[in-house]
N, C-alpha and C. Protein backbone atom coordinates (compact mmCIF):
# COMPACT_ATOMS: atom_id res chain seq x y z
N MET A 1 75.77 85.34 90.06
CA MET A 1 76.74 86.32 90.51
C MET A 1 78.14 85.84 90.11
N PHE A 2 78.95 86.76 89.60
CA PHE A 2 80.29 86.43 89.14
C PHE A 2 81.25 86.37 90.32
N LYS A 3 81.97 85.27 90.43
CA LYS A 3 82.95 85.12 91.51
C LYS A 3 84.35 85.20 90.92
N ARG A 4 85.14 86.15 91.39
CA ARG A 4 86.50 86.36 90.88
C ARG A 4 87.41 85.22 91.35
N PRO A 5 88.18 84.64 90.44
CA PRO A 5 89.10 83.58 90.88
C PRO A 5 90.21 84.14 91.75
N ARG A 6 90.70 83.31 92.68
CA ARG A 6 91.77 83.74 93.55
C ARG A 6 93.06 83.89 92.75
N PRO A 7 93.85 84.92 93.04
CA PRO A 7 95.10 85.11 92.29
C PRO A 7 96.10 84.00 92.60
N PHE A 8 96.87 83.64 91.61
CA PHE A 8 97.91 82.64 91.80
C PHE A 8 99.17 83.34 92.31
N HIS A 9 99.72 82.84 93.40
CA HIS A 9 100.94 83.39 93.97
C HIS A 9 102.01 82.32 93.98
N PRO A 10 103.26 82.68 93.66
CA PRO A 10 104.34 81.70 93.81
C PRO A 10 104.51 81.35 95.29
N PRO A 11 105.14 80.23 95.59
CA PRO A 11 105.29 79.85 97.00
C PRO A 11 106.11 80.87 97.78
N ARG A 12 105.73 81.04 99.05
CA ARG A 12 106.43 81.98 99.91
C ARG A 12 107.69 81.34 100.44
N PRO A 13 108.74 82.15 100.67
CA PRO A 13 109.93 81.60 101.34
C PRO A 13 109.61 81.33 102.81
N PRO A 14 110.44 80.57 103.50
CA PRO A 14 110.15 80.30 104.91
C PRO A 14 110.16 81.58 105.75
N LYS A 15 109.35 81.55 106.78
CA LYS A 15 109.22 82.71 107.67
C LYS A 15 110.50 82.89 108.48
N PRO A 16 111.01 84.13 108.60
CA PRO A 16 112.21 84.35 109.43
C PRO A 16 111.89 84.15 110.91
N PRO A 17 112.92 84.01 111.75
CA PRO A 17 112.65 83.89 113.19
C PRO A 17 112.03 85.17 113.74
N ASP A 18 111.21 85.01 114.76
CA ASP A 18 110.53 86.16 115.35
C ASP A 18 111.52 87.12 115.98
N ARG A 19 111.15 88.40 115.95
CA ARG A 19 111.93 89.43 116.63
C ARG A 19 111.33 89.67 118.00
N LEU A 20 111.91 90.61 118.73
CA LEU A 20 111.37 90.93 120.06
C LEU A 20 109.99 91.57 119.93
N GLN A 21 109.13 91.24 120.89
CA GLN A 21 107.80 91.85 120.92
C GLN A 21 107.90 93.26 121.48
N ASN A 22 107.08 94.17 120.98
CA ASN A 22 107.05 95.51 121.56
C ASN A 22 106.08 95.52 122.75
N MET A 23 106.28 96.47 123.64
CA MET A 23 105.46 96.57 124.84
C MET A 23 104.03 96.97 124.47
N GLN A 24 103.09 96.45 125.22
CA GLN A 24 101.69 96.80 125.00
C GLN A 24 101.47 98.25 125.41
N THR A 25 100.86 99.04 124.53
CA THR A 25 100.64 100.46 124.78
C THR A 25 99.31 100.67 125.50
N LEU A 26 99.03 101.91 125.86
CA LEU A 26 97.73 102.22 126.47
C LEU A 26 96.63 101.94 125.46
N LYS A 27 95.53 101.41 125.97
CA LYS A 27 94.43 101.02 125.08
C LYS A 27 93.69 102.25 124.57
N PRO A 28 93.64 102.45 123.23
CA PRO A 28 92.86 103.58 122.71
C PRO A 28 91.36 103.32 122.83
N PHE A 29 90.59 104.38 122.82
CA PHE A 29 89.13 104.28 122.94
C PHE A 29 88.57 103.50 121.75
N GLY A 30 87.70 102.53 122.03
CA GLY A 30 87.06 101.76 120.97
C GLY A 30 87.82 100.52 120.54
N LYS A 31 89.01 100.32 121.05
CA LYS A 31 89.79 99.14 120.70
C LYS A 31 89.83 98.22 121.91
N ASN A 32 89.78 96.92 121.70
CA ASN A 32 89.76 96.04 122.86
C ASN A 32 90.59 94.77 122.69
N HIS A 33 91.31 94.61 121.59
CA HIS A 33 92.08 93.39 121.39
C HIS A 33 93.51 93.74 120.97
N TRP A 34 94.48 93.25 121.74
CA TRP A 34 95.89 93.47 121.43
C TRP A 34 96.38 92.36 120.51
N VAL A 35 96.92 92.73 119.36
CA VAL A 35 97.48 91.77 118.41
C VAL A 35 98.99 91.78 118.58
N LYS A 36 99.58 90.62 118.87
CA LYS A 36 101.02 90.54 119.06
C LYS A 36 101.74 90.84 117.76
N ALA A 37 102.99 91.27 117.87
CA ALA A 37 103.80 91.51 116.67
C ALA A 37 103.96 90.21 115.89
N HIS A 38 103.97 90.31 114.57
CA HIS A 38 104.01 89.10 113.75
C HIS A 38 104.59 89.41 112.37
N TRP A 39 104.93 88.38 111.63
CA TRP A 39 105.41 88.52 110.26
C TRP A 39 104.23 88.53 109.31
N ARG A 40 104.32 89.36 108.28
CA ARG A 40 103.30 89.42 107.23
C ARG A 40 104.02 89.37 105.89
N TYR A 41 103.48 88.59 104.96
CA TYR A 41 104.13 88.45 103.65
C TYR A 41 103.52 89.45 102.68
N ASP A 42 104.37 90.26 102.03
CA ASP A 42 103.93 91.23 101.03
C ASP A 42 104.11 90.58 99.65
N TYR A 43 103.00 90.30 98.99
CA TYR A 43 103.05 89.59 97.70
C TYR A 43 103.58 90.46 96.58
N GLN A 44 103.47 91.79 96.68
CA GLN A 44 104.01 92.65 95.62
C GLN A 44 105.53 92.70 95.66
N ARG A 45 106.09 92.88 96.86
CA ARG A 45 107.55 92.95 96.99
C ARG A 45 108.17 91.58 97.18
N ARG A 46 107.33 90.56 97.47
CA ARG A 46 107.78 89.20 97.73
C ARG A 46 108.79 89.15 98.87
N GLN A 47 108.42 89.79 99.97
CA GLN A 47 109.27 89.82 101.15
C GLN A 47 108.40 89.72 102.40
N TRP A 48 108.97 89.16 103.46
CA TRP A 48 108.32 89.17 104.76
C TRP A 48 108.56 90.53 105.41
N GLU A 49 107.55 91.08 106.07
CA GLU A 49 107.73 92.33 106.81
C GLU A 49 107.23 92.13 108.23
N TRP A 50 107.91 92.75 109.17
CA TRP A 50 107.59 92.63 110.59
C TRP A 50 106.56 93.68 110.96
N VAL A 51 105.41 93.24 111.45
CA VAL A 51 104.33 94.14 111.86
C VAL A 51 104.38 94.25 113.38
N LEU A 52 104.51 95.46 113.90
CA LEU A 52 104.54 95.65 115.36
C LEU A 52 103.18 95.34 115.97
N GLY A 53 103.20 95.02 117.26
CA GLY A 53 101.96 94.79 117.96
C GLY A 53 101.07 96.03 117.93
N HIS A 54 99.75 95.83 117.86
CA HIS A 54 98.83 96.96 117.74
C HIS A 54 97.46 96.55 118.28
N TRP A 55 96.66 97.57 118.54
CA TRP A 55 95.28 97.36 119.03
C TRP A 55 94.33 97.26 117.85
N THR A 56 93.33 96.40 118.00
CA THR A 56 92.27 96.29 116.98
C THR A 56 90.95 96.06 117.70
N LYS A 57 89.85 96.16 116.97
CA LYS A 57 88.53 95.96 117.59
C LYS A 57 88.29 94.53 117.93
């Protein structure tokens, strides 16, 4: 089976300081885990983006 090599990415800049957390919303049906707001690095734009807190399975 052919295994694709991992893409090479230049080093990321340091993570910015955290922003304020958003309030936990009402739990939607089928979701049971609250993920706190966090930074995510976008490799296409080469920038950190702030992801708000959200529910996941």
